[in-house]
Protein backbone atom coordinates (compact mmCIF):
# COMPACT_ATOMS: atom_id res chain seq x y z
CA MET A 1 99.83 39.07 167.34
CA ARG A 2 102.81 39.69 165.07
CA PHE A 3 101.24 37.35 162.55
CA LEU A 4 98.12 39.55 162.39
CA TYR A 5 100.26 42.64 161.86
CA LEU A 6 102.11 40.87 159.07
CA ILE A 7 98.86 39.84 157.35
CA PHE A 8 97.50 43.38 157.67
CA ALA A 9 100.70 44.90 156.26
CA VAL A 10 100.68 42.52 153.28
CA PHE A 11 97.02 43.32 152.63
CA LEU A 12 97.77 47.06 152.64
CA LEU A 13 100.72 46.66 150.27
CA VAL A 14 98.68 44.57 147.83
CA SER A 15 95.72 46.96 147.92
CA LEU A 16 97.98 49.97 147.26
CA ALA A 17 99.79 48.23 144.41
CA ALA A 18 96.60 47.08 142.65
CA PRO A 19 95.28 49.39 139.91
CA GLY A 20 92.21 51.46 140.78
CA TYR A 21 89.32 49.68 139.13
CA ALA A 22 86.69 52.05 140.52
CA SER A 23 88.34 55.13 139.07
CA GLY A 24 87.58 54.21 135.46
CA LYS A 25 85.46 56.77 133.66
CA LEU A 26 82.36 55.87 131.68
CA PRO A 27 81.76 57.26 128.19
CA CYS A 28 79.53 60.29 127.73
CA PRO A 29 75.91 59.20 127.09
CA LYS A 30 74.31 59.92 123.71
CA GLU A 31 72.26 62.84 125.09
CA GLY A 32 75.44 64.40 126.55
CA VAL A 33 77.75 66.88 124.82
CA CYS A 34 81.52 67.21 125.23
CA ALA A 35 82.51 70.81 126.02
CA SER A 36 85.05 72.89 127.91
CA ALA A 37 82.27 74.44 130.02
CA CYS A 38 78.62 73.51 130.54
CA ALA A 39 75.80 75.97 129.90
CA LYS A 40 73.04 76.73 132.39
CA GLY A 41 70.60 73.83 132.59
CA TYR A 42 73.34 71.23 132.11
CA SER A 43 75.15 69.11 134.65
CA TRP A 44 78.86 68.38 134.12
CA ASN A 45 80.46 64.99 134.44
CA LEU A 46 83.85 63.49 133.58
CA ALA A 47 83.79 60.97 130.73
CA SER A 48 86.37 58.79 129.01
CA ASN A 49 85.59 60.04 125.51
CA CYS A 50 85.61 63.78 126.38
CA LYS A 51 88.76 65.87 126.83
CA GLU A 52 87.20 68.15 129.45
CA TYR A 53 83.55 67.74 130.49
CA CYS A 54 80.49 65.79 129.43
CA CYS A 55 77.48 68.12 129.74
CA ILE A 56 74.19 66.33 130.38
CA PRO A 57 70.83 68.15 130.33
CA LEU A 58 69.34 68.23 133.83
CA ALA A 59 65.98 66.93 132.55
CA LYS A 60 67.69 63.77 131.22
CA LYS A 61 69.87 63.25 134.27
CA TRP A 62 67.03 62.83 136.74
CA LYS A 63 64.77 60.57 134.61
């Protein structure tokens, strides 16, 4: 039983020490606009190439 606890503890330590691969941001798509605030009719998203928000038109987002 102690062996299972040891394996579980090592797994937790390794998973906490590994960099977060899923947290990487994607770039803003070509129909998106980088802005500090999005206007009505736009949906905001975080992007790697925008300082604040990537505003995407709602019509483009759902197609």
